[in-house]
PDB file of N, CA and C in Angstrom:
ATOM      1  N   MET A   1       0.807  -1.176   0.003  1.00  0.00           N
ATOM      2  CA  MET A   1      -0.054   0.180  -0.039  1.00  0.00           C
ATOM      3  C   MET A   1       0.967   1.283  -0.149  1.00  0.00           C
ATOM      4  N   GLU A   2       0.308   2.315  -0.492  1.00  0.00           N
ATOM      5  CA  GLU A   2       1.074   3.485  -0.522  1.00  0.00           C
ATOM      6  C   GLU A   2       0.441   4.682   0.301  1.00  0.00           C
ATOM      7  N   GLY A   3       1.187   5.809   0.513  1.00  0.00           N
ATOM      8  CA  GLY A   3       0.496   6.774   1.417  1.00  0.00           C
ATOM      9  C   GLY A   3       0.137   6.548   2.687  1.00  0.00           C
ATOM     10  N   ILE A   4       1.119   5.717   3.456  1.00  0.00           N
ATOM     11  CA  ILE A   4       0.768   5.350   4.727  1.00  0.00           C
ATOM     12  C   ILE A   4       1.410   6.402   5.801  1.00  0.00           C
ATOM     13  N   PHE A   5       0.484   6.757   6.658  1.00  0.00           N
ATOM     14  CA  PHE A   5       0.740   7.849   7.721  1.00  0.00           C
ATOM     15  C   PHE A   5       1.021   7.075   9.150  1.00  0.00           C
ATOM     16  N   CYS A   6       1.718   7.707   9.939  1.00  0.00           N
ATOM     17  CA  CYS A   6       1.848   7.196  11.192  1.00  0.00           C
ATOM     18  C   CYS A   6       1.506   8.141  12.204  1.00  0.00           C
ATOM     19  N   SER A   7       0.860   7.654  13.393  1.00  0.00           N
ATOM     20  CA  SER A   7       0.562   8.567  14.531  1.00  0.00           C
ATOM     21  C   SER A   7       0.599   7.499  15.816  1.00  0.00           C
ATOM     22  N   TYR A   8       0.350   8.211  16.780  1.00  0.00           N
ATOM     23  CA  TYR A   8       0.478   7.377  18.165  1.00  0.00           C
ATOM     24  C   TYR A   8      -0.498   8.095  19.108  1.00  0.00           C
ATOM     25  N   TYR A   9      -0.954   7.346  20.128  1.00  0.00           N
ATOM     26  CA  TYR A   9      -1.546   7.823  21.389  1.00  0.00           C
ATOM     27  C   TYR A   9      -0.770   7.635  22.568  1.00  0.00           C
ATOM     28  N   ASP A  10      -0.146   8.641  23.273  1.00  0.00           N
ATOM     29  CA  ASP A  10       0.583   8.553  24.493  1.00  0.00           C
ATOM     30  C   ASP A  10       0.316   9.613  25.344  1.00  0.00           C
ATOM     31  N   GLU A  11      -0.525   9.530  26.396  1.00  0.00           N
ATOM     32  CA  GLU A  11      -0.673  10.813  27.181  1.00  0.00           C
ATOM     33  C   GLU A  11       0.432  11.096  28.166  1.00  0.00           C
ATOM     34  N   GLU A  12       1.475  10.306  28.233  1.00  0.00           N
ATOM     35  CA  GLU A  12       2.520  10.615  29.040  1.00  0.00           C
ATOM     36  C   GLU A  12       3.826  11.335  28.588  1.00  0.00           C
ATOM     37  N   ILE A  13       4.239  10.935  27.350  1.00  0.00           N
ATOM     38  CA  ILE A  13       5.434  11.465  26.764  1.00  0.00           C
ATOM     39  C   ILE A  13       5.216  11.746  25.205  1.00  0.00           C
ATOM     40  N   ASP A  14       6.090  12.653  24.704  1.00  0.00           N
ATOM     41  CA  ASP A  14       6.016  12.782  23.155  1.00  0.00           C
ATOM     42  C   ASP A  14       7.189  11.755  22.777  1.00  0.00           C
ATOM     43  N   GLN A  15       6.649  11.034  21.721  1.00  0.00           N
ATOM     44  CA  GLN A  15       7.557  10.106  21.052  1.00  0.00           C
ATOM     45  C   GLN A  15       7.684  10.686  19.674  1.00  0.00           C
ATOM     46  N   ASP A  16       8.993  10.589  19.151  1.00  0.00           N
ATOM     47  CA  ASP A  16       9.356  11.155  17.858  1.00  0.00           C
ATOM     48  C   ASP A  16       8.787  10.257  16.761  1.00  0.00           C
ATOM     49  N   VAL A  17       7.685  10.587  16.153  1.00  0.00           N
ATOM     50  CA  VAL A  17       7.076   9.804  15.192  1.00  0.00           C
ATOM     51  C   VAL A  17       7.245  10.282  13.845  1.00  0.00           C
ATOM     52  N   PRO A  18       7.632   9.454  12.985  1.00  0.00           N
ATOM     53  CA  PRO A  18       7.825   9.864  11.576  1.00  0.00           C
ATOM     54  C   PRO A  18       6.485   9.970  10.906  1.00  0.00           C
ATOM     55  N   LEU A  19       6.116  11.057  10.205  1.00  0.00           N
ATOM     56  CA  LEU A  19       4.784  11.386   9.776  1.00  0.00           C
ATOM     57  C   LEU A  19       4.291  10.404   8.696  1.00  0.00           C
ATOM     58  N   GLN A  20       5.318  10.064   7.646  1.00  0.00           N
ATOM     59  CA  GLN A  20       5.063   9.145   6.587  1.00  0.00           C
ATOM     60  C   GLN A  20       6.065   8.293   6.438  1.00  0.00           C
ATOM     61  N   PRO A  21       6.282   7.319   7.278  1.00  0.00           N
ATOM     62  CA  PRO A  21       7.446   6.359   7.159  1.00  0.00           C
ATOM     63  C   PRO A  21       7.273   5.407   6.102  1.00  0.00           C
ATOM     64  N   ASP A  22       8.578   4.985   5.707  1.00  0.00           N
ATOM     65  CA  ASP A  22       8.553   3.791   4.790  1.00  0.00           C
ATOM     66  C   ASP A  22       8.597   2.567   5.769  1.00  0.00           C
ATOM     67  N   LEU A  23       8.721   1.280   5.343  1.00  0.00           N
ATOM     68  CA  LEU A  23       8.670   0.258   5.997  1.00  0.00           C
ATOM     69  C   LEU A  23       9.924   0.140   7.104  1.00  0.00           C
ATOM     70  N   ALA A  24      10.969   0.396   6.612  1.00  0.00           N
ATOM     71  CA  ALA A  24      12.145   0.436   7.612  1.00  0.00           C
ATOM     72  C   ALA A  24      11.943   1.462   8.756  1.00  0.00           C
ATOM     73  N   GLU A  25      11.372   2.544   8.330  1.00  0.00           N
ATOM     74  CA  GLU A  25      11.184   3.478   9.500  1.00  0.00           C
ATOM     75  C   GLU A  25      10.107   2.981  10.441  1.00  0.00           C
ATOM     76  N   ALA A  26       9.039   2.610   9.815  1.00  0.00           N
ATOM     77  CA  ALA A  26       7.813   1.994  10.835  1.00  0.00           C
ATOM     78  C   ALA A  26       8.268   0.830  11.714  1.00  0.00           C
ATOM     79  N   ILE A  27       9.221   0.056  11.126  1.00  0.00           N
ATOM     80  CA  ILE A  27       9.722  -1.197  11.932  1.00  0.00           C
ATOM     81  C   ILE A  27      10.656  -0.485  12.939  1.00  0.00           C
ATOM     82  N   SER A  28      11.573   0.457  12.669  1.00  0.00           N
ATOM     83  CA  SER A  28      12.321   1.052  13.530  1.00  0.00           C
ATOM     84  C   SER A  28      11.541   1.842  14.703  1.00  0.00           C
ATOM     85  N   PHE A  29      10.432   2.437  14.341  1.00  0.00           N
ATOM     86  CA  PHE A  29       9.600   3.044  15.311  1.00  0.00           C
ATOM     87  C   PHE A  29       8.907   2.154  16.196  1.00  0.00           C
ATOM     88  N   PHE A  30       8.396   1.175  15.723  1.00  0.00           N
ATOM     89  CA  PHE A  30       7.832   0.209  16.460  1.00  0.00           C
ATOM     90  C   PHE A  30       8.759  -0.503  17.562  1.00  0.00           C
ATOM     91  N   LYS A  31       9.974  -0.706  17.099  1.00  0.00           N
ATOM     92  CA  LYS A  31      10.935  -1.355  18.036  1.00  0.00           C
ATOM     93  C   LYS A  31      11.349  -0.300  19.141  1.00  0.00           C
ATOM     94  N   GLY A  32      11.285   0.994  18.719  1.00  0.00           N
ATOM     95  CA  GLY A  32      11.803   1.892  19.759  1.00  0.00           C
ATOM     96  C   GLY A  32      10.669   2.605  20.667  1.00  0.00           C
ATOM     97  N   PHE A  33       9.385   2.153  20.225  1.00  0.00           N
ATOM     98  CA  PHE A  33       8.334   2.618  20.804  1.00  0.00           C
ATOM     99  C   PHE A  33       8.351   2.435  22.427  1.00  0.00           C
ATOM    100  N   ILE A  34       7.969   3.341  23.234  1.00  0.00           N
ATOM    101  CA  ILE A  34       8.056   3.042  24.707  1.00  0.00           C
ATOM    102  C   ILE A  34       6.625   2.568  25.012  1.00  0.00           C
ATOM    103  N   TRP A  35       6.263   1.432  25.380  1.00  0.00           N
ATOM    104  CA  TRP A  35       5.157   0.883  25.470  1.00  0.00           C
ATOM    105  C   TRP A  35       4.660   1.042  26.918  1.00  0.00           C
ATOM    106  N   GLU A  36       5.719   1.063  27.873  1.00  0.00           N
ATOM    107  CA  GLU A  36       5.235   0.968  29.296  1.00  0.00           C
ATOM    108  C   GLU A  36       4.816   2.337  29.857  1.00  0.00           C
ATOM    109  N   ASN A  37       3.855   2.369  30.823  1.00  0.00           N
ATOM    110  CA  ASN A  37       3.301   3.560  31.264  1.00  0.00           C
ATOM    111  C   ASN A  37       4.141   3.804  32.568  1.00  0.00           C
ATOM    112  N   GLN A  38       4.352   4.904  32.835  1.00  0.00           N
ATOM    113  CA  GLN A  38       5.139   5.474  33.949  1.00  0.00           C
ATOM    114  C   GLN A  38       3.947   5.504  35.084  1.00  0.00           C
ATOM    115  N   ASN A  39       2.896   5.954  34.889  1.00  0.00           N
ATOM    116  CA  ASN A  39       1.790   6.117  35.789  1.00  0.00           C
ATOM    117  C   ASN A  39       0.710   5.091  35.730  1.00  0.00           C
ATOM    118  N   GLU A  40       0.352   4.471  36.672  1.00  0.00           N
ATOM    119  CA  GLU A  40      -0.679   3.370  36.634  1.00  0.00           C
ATOM    120  C   GLU A  40      -1.986   3.743  36.126  1.00  0.00           C
ATOM    121  N   GLU A  41      -2.299   4.933  36.326  1.00  0.00           N
ATOM    122  CA  GLU A  41      -3.755   5.445  35.961  1.00  0.00           C
ATOM    123  C   GLU A  41      -3.680   5.951  34.397  1.00  0.00           C
ATOM    124  N   SER A  42      -2.460   5.868  33.689  1.00  0.00           N
ATOM    125  CA  SER A  42      -2.424   6.279  32.374  1.00  0.00           C
ATOM    126  C   SER A  42      -3.219   5.287  31.426  1.00  0.00           C
ATOM    127  N   THR A  43      -3.582   5.784  30.254  1.00  0.00           N
ATOM    128  CA  THR A  43      -4.301   5.081  29.343  1.00  0.00           C
ATOM    129  C   THR A  43      -3.320   4.213  28.648  1.00  0.00           C
ATOM    130  N   MET A  44      -3.808   3.191  27.839  1.00  0.00           N
ATOM    131  CA  MET A  44      -3.042   2.392  27.018  1.00  0.00           C
ATOM    132  C   MET A  44      -2.419   3.308  25.929  1.00  0.00           C
ATOM    133  N   LYS A  45      -1.184   2.817  25.569  1.00  0.00           N
ATOM    134  CA  LYS A  45      -0.494   3.512  24.454  1.00  0.00           C
ATOM    135  C   LYS A  45      -0.891   2.856  23.189  1.00  0.00           C
ATOM    136  N   MET A  46      -0.848   3.579  21.964  1.00  0.00           N
ATOM    137  CA  MET A  46      -1.191   2.972  20.746  1.00  0.00           C
ATOM    138  C   MET A  46      -0.507   3.535  19.644  1.00  0.00           C
ATOM    139  N   LEU A  47       0.100   2.682  18.695  1.00  0.00           N
ATOM    140  CA  LEU A  47       0.677   3.092  17.442  1.00  0.00           C
ATOM    141  C   LEU A  47      -0.290   2.978  16.298  1.00  0.00           C
ATOM    142  N   ILE A  48      -0.483   3.833  15.512  1.00  0.00           N
ATOM    143  CA  ILE A  48      -1.402   3.873  14.404  1.00  0.00           C
ATOM    144  C   ILE A  48      -0.809   4.009  13.101  1.00  0.00           C
ATOM    145  N   LEU A  49      -1.017   3.072  12.105  1.00  0.00           N
ATOM    146  CA  LEU A  49      -0.600   3.173  10.717  1.00  0.00           C
ATOM    147  C   LEU A  49      -1.771   3.301   9.829  1.00  0.00           C
ATOM    148  N   GLN A  50      -1.795   4.231   9.072  1.00  0.00           N
ATOM    149  CA  GLN A  50      -3.059   4.368   8.189  1.00  0.00           C
ATOM    150  C   GLN A  50      -2.707   4.624   6.735  1.00  0.00           C
ATOM    151  N   ALA A  51      -3.207   3.776   5.813  1.00  0.00           N
ATOM    152  CA  ALA A  51      -2.969   4.261   4.311  1.00  0.00           C
ATOM    153  C   ALA A  51      -4.371   4.810   4.015  1.00  0.00           C
ATOM    154  N   THR A  52      -4.271   6.008   3.387  1.00  0.00           N
ATOM    155  CA  THR A  52      -5.499   6.827   3.017  1.00  0.00           C
ATOM    156  C   THR A  52      -5.639   6.781   1.611  1.00  0.00           C
ATOM    157  N   GLY A  53      -6.689   7.418   1.203  1.00  0.00           N
ATOM    158  CA  GLY A  53      -7.224   7.492  -0.173  1.00  0.00           C
ATOM    159  C   GLY A  53      -8.739   7.305  -0.209  1.00  0.00           C
ATOM    160  N   SER A  54      -9.243   7.086  -1.473  1.00  0.00           N
ATOM    161  CA  SER A  54     -10.627   6.651  -1.405  1.00  0.00           C
ATOM    162  C   SER A  54     -11.060   5.396  -0.762  1.00  0.00           C
ATOM    163  N   ASP A  55     -10.034   4.492  -0.777  1.00  0.00           N
ATOM    164  CA  ASP A  55     -10.155   3.260  -0.063  1.00  0.00           C
ATOM    165  C   ASP A  55      -9.079   3.305   1.111  1.00  0.00           C
ATOM    166  N   GLU A  56      -9.415   2.916   2.339  1.00  0.00           N
ATOM    167  CA  GLU A  56      -8.444   3.055   3.581  1.00  0.00           C
ATOM    168  C   GLU A  56      -8.152   1.679   4.223  1.00  0.00           C
ATOM    169  N   ALA A  57      -7.124   1.656   4.933  1.00  0.00           N
ATOM    170  CA  ALA A  57      -6.779   0.591   5.821  1.00  0.00           C
ATOM    171  C   ALA A  57      -5.887   1.121   6.853  1.00  0.00           C
ATOM    172  N   SER A  58      -6.192   0.519   8.029  1.00  0.00           N
ATOM    173  CA  SER A  58      -5.492   1.100   9.298  1.00  0.00           C
ATOM    174  C   SER A  58      -5.017  -0.126  10.154  1.00  0.00           C
ATOM    175  N   LEU A  59      -3.884   0.068  10.867  1.00  0.00           N
ATOM    176  CA  LEU A  59      -3.354  -0.897  12.005  1.00  0.00           C
ATOM    177  C   LEU A  59      -3.406   0.033  13.123  1.00  0.00           C
ATOM    178  N   PHE A  60      -3.966  -0.575  14.225  1.00  0.00           N
ATOM    179  CA  PHE A  60      -3.873   0.043  15.662  1.00  0.00           C
ATOM    180  C   PHE A  60      -3.255  -0.945  16.567  1.00  0.00           C
ATOM    181  N   ILE A  61      -1.935  -0.650  16.857  1.00  0.00           N
ATOM    182  CA  ILE A  61      -1.107  -1.580  17.591  1.00  0.00           C
ATOM    183  C   ILE A  61      -1.109  -0.992  18.985  1.00  0.00           C
ATOM    184  N   SER A  62      -1.303  -1.926  20.039  1.00  0.00           N
ATOM    185  CA  SER A  62      -1.077  -1.696  21.415  1.00  0.00           C
ATOM    186  C   SER A  62      -0.480  -2.906  22.135  1.00  0.00           C
ATOM    187  N   SER A  63      -0.212  -2.668  23.399  1.00  0.00           N
ATOM    188  CA  SER A  63       0.520  -3.724  24.126  1.00  0.00           C
ATOM    189  C   SER A  63      -0.083  -3.755  25.561  1.00  0.00           C
ATOM    190  N   LEU A  64      -0.816  -4.727  26.041  1.00  0.00           N
ATOM    191  CA  LEU A  64      -1.248  -4.821  27.380  1.00  0.00           C
ATOM    192  C   LEU A  64      -0.398  -5.778  28.341  1.00  0.00           C
ATOM    193  N   ASN A  65       0.314  -6.601  27.683  1.00  0.00           N
ATOM    194  CA  ASN A  65       1.248  -7.367  28.412  1.00  0.00           C
ATOM    195  C   ASN A  65       2.565  -7.368  27.888  1.00  0.00           C
ATOM    196  N   LYS A  66       3.578  -7.249  28.649  1.00  0.00           N
ATOM    197  CA  LYS A  66       4.981  -7.178  28.198  1.00  0.00           C
ATOM    198  C   LYS A  66       5.293  -8.205  27.171  1.00  0.00           C
ATOM    199  N   GLY A  67       5.767  -7.829  25.956  1.00  0.00           N
ATOM    200  CA  GLY A  67       6.321  -8.825  24.919  1.00  0.00           C
ATOM    201  C   GLY A  67       5.157  -9.341  24.096  1.00  0.00           C
ATOM    202  N   LYS A  68       3.943  -8.961  24.444  1.00  0.00           N
ATOM    203  CA  LYS A  68       2.657  -9.268  23.454  1.00  0.00           C
ATOM    204  C   LYS A  68       2.065  -8.064  22.985  1.00  0.00           C
ATOM    205  N   TRP A  69       1.488  -8.182  21.746  1.00  0.00           N
ATOM    206  CA  TRP A  69       0.863  -6.947  21.206  1.00  0.00           C
ATOM    207  C   TRP A  69      -0.548  -7.427  20.625  1.00  0.00           C
ATOM    208  N   GLU A  70      -1.422  -6.555  20.716  1.00  0.00           N
ATOM    209  CA  GLU A  70      -2.767  -6.640  20.130  1.00  0.00           C
ATOM    210  C   GLU A  70      -2.733  -5.755  18.868  1.00  0.00           C
ATOM    211  N   ILE A  71      -3.323  -6.266  17.893  1.00  0.00           N
ATOM    212  CA  ILE A  71      -3.486  -5.483  16.415  1.00  0.00           C
ATOM    213  C   ILE A  71      -4.804  -5.338  16.084  1.00  0.00           C
ATOM    214  N   GLY A  72      -5.465  -4.268  16.026  1.00  0.00           N
ATOM    215  CA  GLY A  72      -6.738  -3.972  15.395  1.00  0.00           C
ATOM    216  C   GLY A  72      -6.520  -3.585  14.028  1.00  0.00           C
ATOM    217  N   ALA A  73      -7.032  -4.239  13.031  1.00  0.00           N
ATOM    218  CA  ALA A  73      -6.825  -4.012  11.652  1.00  0.00           C
ATOM    219  C   ALA A  73      -8.169  -3.802  10.919  1.00  0.00           C
ATOM    220  N   THR A  74      -8.269  -2.669  10.106  1.00  0.00           N
ATOM    221  CA  THR A  74      -9.471  -2.337   9.537  1.00  0.00           C
ATOM    222  C   THR A  74      -9.138  -1.904   8.009  1.00  0.00           C
ATOM    223  N   ALA A  75     -10.094  -2.371   7.128  1.00  0.00           N
ATOM    224  CA  ALA A  75     -10.071  -1.839   5.705  1.00  0.00           C
ATOM    225  C   ALA A  75     -11.405  -1.455   5.296  1.00  0.00           C
ATOM    226  N   SER A  76     -11.383  -0.454   4.541  1.00  0.00           N
ATOM    227  CA  SER A  76     -12.811   0.049   3.975  1.00  0.00           C
ATOM    228  C   SER A  76     -12.530   0.314   2.421  1.00  0.00           C
ATOM    229  N   THR A  77     -13.545  -0.210   1.687  1.00  0.00           N
ATOM    230  CA  THR A  77     -13.323   0.052   0.243  1.00  0.00           C
ATOM    231  C   THR A  77     -14.792   0.537  -0.252  1.00  0.00           C
ATOM    232  N   ARG A  78     -14.650   1.573  -1.251  1.00  0.00           N
ATOM    233  CA  ARG A  78     -15.870   2.163  -1.613  1.00  0.00           C
ATOM    234  C   ARG A  78     -16.553   1.321  -2.468  1.00  0.00           C
ATOM    235  N   ARG A  79     -17.890   1.156  -2.403  1.00  0.00           N
ATOM    236  CA  ARG A  79     -18.700   0.282  -3.241  1.00  0.00           C
ATOM    237  C   ARG A  79     -18.973   0.969  -4.532  1.00  0.00           C
ATOM    238  N   ARG A  80     -18.713   0.193  -5.502  1.00  0.00           N
ATOM    239  CA  ARG A  80     -18.837   0.718  -6.913  1.00  0.00           C
ATOM    240  C   ARG A  80     -20.243   1.312  -7.119  1.00  0.00           C
ATOM    241  N   PHE A  81     -20.314   2.281  -7.827  1.00  0.00           N
ATOM    242  CA  PHE A  81     -21.422   3.007  -8.333  1.00  0.00           C
ATOM    243  C   PHE A  81     -22.442   3.654  -7.089  1.00  0.00           C
ATOM    244  N   LEU A  82     -21.948   3.434  -5.910  1.00  0.00           N
ATOM    245  CA  LEU A  82     -22.777   4.075  -4.801  1.00  0.00           C
ATOM    246  C   LEU A  82     -22.259   5.345  -4.278  1.00  0.00           C
ATOM    247  N   GLY A  83     -21.160   5.734  -4.670  1.00  0.00           N
ATOM    248  CA  GLY A  83     -20.436   7.003  -4.147  1.00  0.00           C
ATOM    249  C   GLY A  83     -19.670   6.792  -2.934  1.00  0.00           C
ATOM    250  N   PRO A  84     -19.016   7.868  -2.486  1.00  0.00           N
ATOM    251  CA  PRO A  84     -17.961   7.650  -1.461  1.00  0.00           C
ATOM    252  C   PRO A  84     -18.442   7.400  -0.009  1.00  0.00           C
ATOM    253  N   PHE A  85     -19.739   7.539   0.165  1.00  0.00           N
ATOM    254  CA  PHE A  85     -20.292   7.398   1.494  1.00  0.00           C
ATOM    255  C   PHE A  85     -20.858   5.903   1.816  1.00  0.00           C
ATOM    256  N   PHE A  86     -20.750   5.090   0.783  1.00  0.00           N
ATOM    257  CA  PHE A  86     -21.099   3.723   1.053  1.00  0.00           C
ATOM    258  C   PHE A  86     -19.961   2.718   0.872  1.00  0.00           C
ATOM    259  N   LYS A  87     -19.332   2.524   1.975  1.00  0.00           N
ATOM    260  CA  LYS A  87     -18.147   1.644   2.043  1.00  0.00           C
ATOM    261  C   LYS A  87     -18.446   0.507   2.615  1.00  0.00           C
ATOM    262  N   ARG A  88     -17.626  -0.618   2.339  1.00  0.00           N
ATOM    263  CA  ARG A  88     -17.510  -1.944   2.837  1.00  0.00           C
ATOM    264  C   ARG A  88     -16.525  -2.078   3.873  1.00  0.00           C
ATOM    265  N   VAL A  89     -16.707  -2.162   5.075  1.00  0.00           N
ATOM    266  CA  VAL A  89     -15.731  -2.321   6.070  1.00  0.00           C
ATOM    267  C   VAL A  89     -15.429  -3.598   6.559  1.00  0.00           C
ATOM    268  N   THR A  90     -14.268  -3.984   6.586  1.00  0.00           N
ATOM    269  CA  THR A  90     -13.769  -5.334   7.091  1.00  0.00           C
ATOM    270  C   THR A  90     -12.818  -5.093   8.184  1.00  0.00           C
ATOM    271  N   SER A  91     -12.940  -5.711   9.387  1.00  0.00           N
ATOM    272  CA  SER A  91     -11.947  -5.464  10.447  1.00  0.00           C
ATOM    273  C   SER A  91     -11.759  -6.895  11.328  1.00  0.00           C
ATOM    274  N   GLU A  92     -10.718  -6.908  11.775  1.00  0.00           N
ATOM    275  CA  GLU A  92     -10.378  -7.940  12.778  1.00  0.00           C
ATOM    276  C   GLU A  92      -9.351  -7.672  13.713  1.00  0.00           C
ATOM    277  N   SER A  93      -9.454  -8.370  14.904  1.00  0.00           N
ATOM    278  CA  SER A  93      -8.418  -8.243  15.991  1.00  0.00           C
ATOM    279  C   SER A  93      -7.524  -9.408  16.057  1.00  0.00           C
ATOM    280  N   PHE A  94      -6.343  -9.163  16.325  1.00  0.00           N
ATOM    281  CA  PHE A  94      -5.304 -10.126  16.410  1.00  0.00           C
ATOM    282  C   PHE A  94      -4.701 -10.054  17.835  1.00  0.00           C
ATOM    283  N   ILE A  95      -4.782 -11.019  18.688  1.00  0.00           N
ATOM    284  CA  ILE A  95      -4.436 -10.938  20.040  1.00  0.00           C
ATOM    285  C   ILE A  95      -3.274 -11.679  20.444  1.00  0.00           C
ATOM    286  N   ASP A  96      -2.396 -11.141  21.309  1.00  0.00           N
ATOM    287  CA  ASP A  96      -1.212 -11.929  21.925  1.00  0.00           C
ATOM    288  C   ASP A  96      -0.284 -12.383  20.828  1.00  0.00           C
ATOM    289  N   ASN A  97       0.129 -11.278  19.942  1.00  0.00           N
ATOM    290  CA  ASN A  97       1.232 -11.346  18.984  1.00  0.00           C
ATOM    291  C   ASN A  97       2.535 -11.136  19.563  1.00  0.00           C
ATOM    292  N   THR A  98       3.441 -12.009  19.146  1.00  0.00           N
ATOM    293  CA  THR A  98       4.879 -11.856  19.632  1.00  0.00           C
ATOM    294  C   THR A  98       5.553 -10.660  18.760  1.00  0.00           C
ATOM    295  N   GLU A  99       6.602 -10.228  19.080  1.00  0.00           N
ATOM    296  CA  GLU A  99       7.119  -9.104  18.373  1.00  0.00           C
ATOM    297  C   GLU A  99       7.524  -9.476  17.103  1.00  0.00           C
ATOM    298  N   ARG A 100       7.809 -10.689  16.623  1.00  0.00           N
ATOM    299  CA  ARG A 100       8.225 -11.126  15.371  1.00  0.00           C
ATOM    300  C   ARG A 100       6.800 -11.084  14.496  1.00  0.00           C
ATOM    301  N   GLU A 101       5.774 -11.600  15.091  1.00  0.00           N
ATOM    302  CA  GLU A 101       4.531 -11.682  14.332  1.00  0.00           C
ATOM    303  C   GLU A 101       3.949 -10.347  14.034  1.00  0.00           C
ATOM    304  N   THR A 102       4.216  -9.309  15.088  1.00  0.00           N
ATOM    305  CA  THR A 102       3.697  -7.913  14.846  1.00  0.00           C
ATOM    306  C   THR A 102       4.511  -7.410  13.618  1.00  0.00           C
ATOM    307  N   LEU A 103       5.910  -7.552  13.826  1.00  0.00           N
ATOM    308  CA  LEU A 103       6.599  -6.922  12.606  1.00  0.00           C
ATOM    309  C   LEU A 103       6.275  -7.459  11.223  1.00  0.00           C
ATOM    310  N   GLU A 104       5.980  -8.920  11.267  1.00  0.00           N
ATOM    311  CA  GLU A 104       5.534  -9.547   9.949  1.00  0.00           C
ATOM    312  C   GLU A 104       4.121  -8.880   9.475  1.00  0.00           C
ATOM    313  N   PHE A 105       3.261  -8.569  10.507  1.00  0.00           N
ATOM    314  CA  PHE A 105       2.092  -7.878  10.089  1.00  0.00           C
ATOM    315  C   PHE A 105       2.306  -6.541   9.555  1.00  0.00           C
ATOM    316  N   ILE A 106       3.017  -5.741  10.093  1.00  0.00           N
ATOM    317  CA  ILE A 106       3.456  -4.417   9.506  1.00  0.00           C
ATOM    318  C   ILE A 106       4.054  -4.548   8.177  1.00  0.00           C
ATOM    319  N   SER A 107       4.803  -5.579   8.027  1.00  0.00           N
ATOM    320  CA  SER A 107       5.615  -5.645   6.682  1.00  0.00           C
ATOM    321  C   SER A 107       4.478  -6.095   5.754  1.00  0.00           C
ATOM    322  N   PHE A 108       3.489  -7.005   5.964  1.00  0.00           N
ATOM    323  CA  PHE A 108       2.329  -7.386   5.143  1.00  0.00           C
ATOM    324  C   PHE A 108       1.658  -6.238   4.803  1.00  0.00           C
ATOM    325  N   PHE A 109       1.244  -5.231   5.790  1.00  0.00           N
ATOM    326  CA  PHE A 109       0.505  -4.010   5.528  1.00  0.00           C
ATOM    327  C   PHE A 109       1.212  -3.110   4.382  1.00  0.00           C
ATOM    328  N   TYR A 110       2.647  -3.074   4.582  1.00  0.00           N
ATOM    329  CA  TYR A 110       3.333  -2.277   3.667  1.00  0.00           C
ATOM    330  C   TYR A 110       3.458  -2.714   2.214  1.00  0.00           C
ATOM    331  N   GLN A 111       3.588  -4.065   2.277  1.00  0.00           N
ATOM    332  CA  GLN A 111       4.092  -4.616   0.999  1.00  0.00           C
ATOM    333  C   GLN A 111       3.050  -5.216   0.183  1.00  0.00           C
ATOM    334  N   LYS A 112       1.888  -5.472   0.606  1.00  0.00           N
ATOM    335  CA  LYS A 112       0.771  -6.074  -0.139  1.00  0.00           C
ATOM    336  C   LYS A 112      -0.195  -5.089  -0.512  1.00  0.00           C
ATOM    337  N   THR A 113      -0.983  -5.451  -1.384  1.00  0.00           N
ATOM    338  CA  THR A 113      -2.242  -4.573  -1.851  1.00  0.00           C
ATOM    339  C   THR A 113      -3.272  -4.589  -0.893  1.00  0.00           C
ATOM    340  N   LEU A 114      -4.334  -3.604  -1.074  1.00  0.00           N
ATOM    341  CA  LEU A 114      -5.361  -3.565  -0.142  1.00  0.00           C
ATOM    342  C   LEU A 114      -6.263  -4.897  -0.380  1.00  0.00           C
ATOM    343  N   ALA A 115      -6.385  -5.257  -1.498  1.00  0.00           N
ATOM    344  CA  ALA A 115      -7.051  -6.600  -1.704  1.00  0.00           C
ATOM    345  C   ALA A 115      -6.588  -7.814  -0.969  1.00  0.00           C
ATOM    346  N   ASP A 116      -5.154  -7.900  -0.929  1.00  0.00           N
ATOM    347  CA  ASP A 116      -4.481  -8.803  -0.176  1.00  0.00           C
ATOM    348  C   ASP A 116      -4.817  -8.761   1.396  1.00  0.00           C
ATOM    349  N   PHE A 117      -4.718  -7.451   1.886  1.00  0.00           N
ATOM    350  CA  PHE A 117      -5.020  -7.076   3.211  1.00  0.00           C
ATOM    351  C   PHE A 117      -6.386  -7.512   3.579  1.00  0.00           C
ATOM    352  N   ILE A 118      -7.379  -7.194   2.730  1.00  0.00           N
ATOM    353  CA  ILE A 118      -8.811  -7.554   3.169  1.00  0.00           C
ATOM    354  C   ILE A 118      -8.836  -9.098   3.130  1.00  0.00           C
ATOM    355  N   ALA A 119      -8.253  -9.733   2.114  1.00  0.00           N
ATOM    356  CA  ALA A 119      -8.387 -11.153   2.183  1.00  0.00           C
ATOM    357  C   ALA A 119      -7.753 -11.851   3.525  1.00  0.00           C
ATOM    358  N   LEU A 120      -6.694 -11.230   4.009  1.00  0.00           N
ATOM    359  CA  LEU A 120      -6.116 -11.712   5.212  1.00  0.00           C
ATOM    360  C   LEU A 120      -7.163 -11.541   6.262  1.00  0.00           C
ATOM    361  N   LEU A 121      -7.623 -10.400   6.476  1.00  0.00           N
ATOM    362  CA  LEU A 121      -8.693  -9.959   7.506  1.00  0.00           C
ATOM    363  C   LEU A 121      -9.871 -10.960   7.358  1.00  0.00           C
ATOM    364  N   GLU A 122     -10.525 -11.345   6.109  1.00  0.00           N
ATOM    365  CA  GLU A 122     -11.435 -12.069   6.058  1.00  0.00           C
ATOM    366  C   GLU A 122     -11.147 -13.556   6.304  1.00  0.00           C
ATOM    367  N   LYS A 123     -10.023 -14.011   5.998  1.00  0.00           N
ATOM    368  CA  LYS A 123      -9.489 -15.376   6.234  1.00  0.00           C
ATOM    369  C   LYS A 123      -9.492 -15.604   7.705  1.00  0.00           C
ATOM    370  N   ASN A 124      -8.965 -14.618   8.442  1.00  0.00           N
ATOM    371  CA  ASN A 124      -8.882 -14.772   9.943  1.00  0.00           C
ATOM    372  C   ASN A 124     -10.083 -14.408  10.814  1.00  0.00           C
ATOM    373  N   GLY A 125     -11.067 -13.948  10.030  1.00  0.00           N
ATOM    374  CA  GLY A 125     -12.178 -13.590  10.723  1.00  0.00           C
ATOM    375  C   GLY A 125     -13.252 -14.756  10.709  1.00  0.00           C
ATOM    376  N   HIS A 126     -12.923 -15.826   9.989  1.00  0.00           N
ATOM    377  CA  HIS A 126     -13.828 -17.039   9.818  1.00  0.00           C
ATOM    378  C   HIS A 126     -13.347 -18.174  10.348  1.00  0.00           C
TER     379      HIS A 126
END
């Protein structure tokens, strides 16, 4: 996919996020991301990768347990002949992923087409 933007949610500290990272920068940012909260009452931190355009795809990555990541993946495609407001949305959650599995998922997100990404979500949703 192309046109991938990166953002994050962290109420405790600023983390130096690349705005539109390539795959190597996204992997480096994931590996260097500070997942642990300093304050017990702080909300969960989240790394977001989003491919934009008329069709969109997103990854929402968070970590509740040390060494394990949760990935929320969503793709939306415009339905032909129905205009931009009628989209088909496919989403799936992937829980307890290792670092290697999470990095493979990020690589897949960058290197495959939107159709491949949707097929992966549909395959894991059934």
